[in-house]
Protein backbone atom coordinates (compact mmCIF):
# COMPACT_ATOMS: atom_id res chain seq x y z
CA UNK A 1 -4.33 -24.08 16.66
CA UNK A 2 -4.23 -27.07 18.85
CA UNK A 3 -1.44 -29.71 18.14
CA UNK A 4 -1.57 -31.96 15.58
CA UNK A 5 -0.05 -35.50 14.37
CA UNK A 6 0.98 -34.69 10.85
CA UNK A 7 2.46 -37.16 8.57
CA UNK A 8 4.23 -35.32 5.76
CA UNK A 9 5.21 -36.87 2.92
CA UNK A 10 7.51 -34.80 0.08
CA UNK A 11 10.34 -36.64 -2.39
CA UNK A 12 11.99 -33.21 -2.00
CA UNK A 13 14.52 -33.72 0.99
CA UNK A 14 15.62 -30.61 1.96
CA UNK A 15 12.08 -28.77 1.69
CA UNK A 16 10.60 -32.02 3.92
CA UNK A 17 13.41 -31.06 6.60
CA UNK A 18 12.56 -27.42 6.73
CA UNK A 19 8.39 -27.56 6.66
CA UNK A 20 8.79 -30.31 8.83
CA UNK A 21 10.81 -28.06 11.01
CA UNK A 22 8.75 -25.13 10.91
CA UNK A 23 5.60 -27.23 12.00
CA UNK A 24 7.28 -28.71 14.81
CA UNK A 25 8.70 -25.16 15.76
CA UNK A 26 4.93 -24.81 15.90
CA UNK A 27 4.41 -27.49 18.25
CA UNK A 28 2.86 -30.04 15.82
CA UNK A 29 4.11 -33.63 16.23
CA UNK A 30 5.64 -34.81 12.57
CA UNK A 31 6.28 -37.83 11.06
CA UNK A 32 7.99 -37.19 7.20
CA UNK A 33 8.37 -39.60 4.73
CA UNK A 34 9.74 -39.39 1.10
CA UNK A 35 7.27 -41.48 -0.85
CA UNK A 36 3.97 -42.38 -0.62
CA UNK A 37 4.86 -46.24 0.15
CA UNK A 38 6.72 -45.09 3.64
CA UNK A 39 3.49 -42.98 4.17
CA UNK A 40 1.26 -46.16 3.99
CA UNK A 41 3.85 -47.95 6.23
CA UNK A 42 3.18 -45.02 8.82
CA UNK A 43 -0.03 -44.94 8.42
CA UNK A 44 -0.07 -48.77 9.08
CA UNK A 45 1.14 -48.57 12.30
CA UNK A 46 0.73 -45.53 13.81
CA UNK A 47 -2.46 -42.77 14.22
CA UNK A 48 -2.83 -39.81 12.55
CA UNK A 49 -4.44 -35.96 12.20
CA UNK A 50 -3.90 -34.65 9.23
CA UNK A 51 -1.82 -36.40 6.15
CA UNK A 52 -0.50 -33.44 4.45
CA UNK A 53 1.30 -34.68 0.63
CA UNK A 54 2.54 -33.51 -1.77
CA UNK A 55 0.85 -34.88 -5.52
CA UNK A 56 4.16 -35.29 -7.46
CA UNK A 57 5.99 -38.11 -5.73
CA UNK A 58 7.92 -40.83 -7.13
CA UNK A 59 6.01 -44.34 -7.55
CA UNK A 60 2.43 -43.60 -6.42
CA UNK A 61 1.23 -39.98 -6.30
CA UNK A 62 -0.32 -38.17 -3.87
CA UNK A 63 -3.52 -38.76 -5.62
CA UNK A 64 -3.36 -42.39 -4.88
CA UNK A 65 -2.02 -42.24 -1.34
CA UNK A 66 -4.57 -40.71 -0.05
CA UNK A 67 -7.27 -42.56 -1.23
CA UNK A 68 -5.14 -45.65 0.66
CA UNK A 69 -4.85 -42.97 3.45
CA UNK A 70 -8.44 -42.56 4.02
CA UNK A 71 -9.54 -46.11 3.97
CA UNK A 72 -6.69 -46.84 6.36
CA UNK A 73 -7.70 -44.17 8.72
CA UNK A 74 -11.11 -42.76 7.66
CA UNK A 75 -10.96 -39.61 10.39
CA UNK A 76 -7.64 -38.23 8.62
CA UNK A 77 -7.60 -35.21 7.39
CA UNK A 78 -6.37 -34.54 3.66
CA UNK A 79 -4.14 -31.61 2.24
CA UNK A 80 -2.67 -31.79 -0.58
CA UNK A 81 0.18 -30.04 -1.86
CA UNK A 82 0.07 -28.83 -6.03
CA UNK A 83 0.83 -26.30 -8.66
CA UNK A 84 -1.70 -27.65 -10.61
CA UNK A 85 -5.67 -27.85 -10.69
CA UNK A 86 -6.98 -31.11 -9.45
CA UNK A 87 -10.71 -30.32 -10.00
CA UNK A 88 -11.48 -33.42 -12.04
CA UNK A 89 -9.14 -35.46 -10.08
CA UNK A 90 -10.69 -34.40 -6.77
CA UNK A 91 -13.69 -35.36 -8.21
CA UNK A 92 -13.51 -38.54 -8.96
CA UNK A 93 -11.64 -39.64 -5.52
CA UNK A 94 -14.96 -38.04 -3.69
CA UNK A 95 -12.93 -37.71 -0.55
CA UNK A 96 -12.34 -33.82 1.41
CA UNK A 97 -9.57 -32.95 0.30
CA UNK A 98 -7.84 -29.52 1.07
CA UNK A 99 -5.85 -27.92 -1.44
CA UNK A 100 -2.76 -26.23 -0.69
CA UNK A 101 -1.37 -24.35 -3.54
CA UNK A 102 2.74 -24.82 -4.40
CA UNK A 103 4.58 -22.91 -3.94
CA UNK A 104 3.19 -22.38 -0.30
CA UNK A 105 4.34 -19.58 2.29
CA UNK A 106 4.16 -20.07 6.16
CA UNK A 107 0.92 -18.04 6.54
CA UNK A 108 -0.74 -20.35 4.10
CA UNK A 109 0.78 -23.64 5.70
CA UNK A 110 -0.56 -22.54 8.39
CA UNK A 111 -4.19 -21.85 7.99
CA UNK A 112 -4.54 -25.11 5.81
CA UNK A 113 -3.60 -26.97 9.16
CA UNK A 114 -5.69 -24.32 11.14
CA UNK A 115 -9.47 -25.72 10.69
């Protein structure tokens, strides 16, 4: 798996720290943020290969975040973690978004990044 520059957005601080540590152990560079607003600020100043975001965030949702992120960095790979079906919402977005079903295990996380 190539080294990726990841932006990981998760409002659960314990999960965010755990997943960040795992991704860094895999050799990726990870910037972690707790909400969409903080993520958009990072996107404005730094290039990322992948945006991995929870759908349910305080303030703007992960769906809103991927829409804005894709406009800011068109080559950005978009991955949304969710426990819900989002077929209709993703159709409306019209963006190539990969889904990571929650709860996910580490193998599923690796698989979604290893594309």
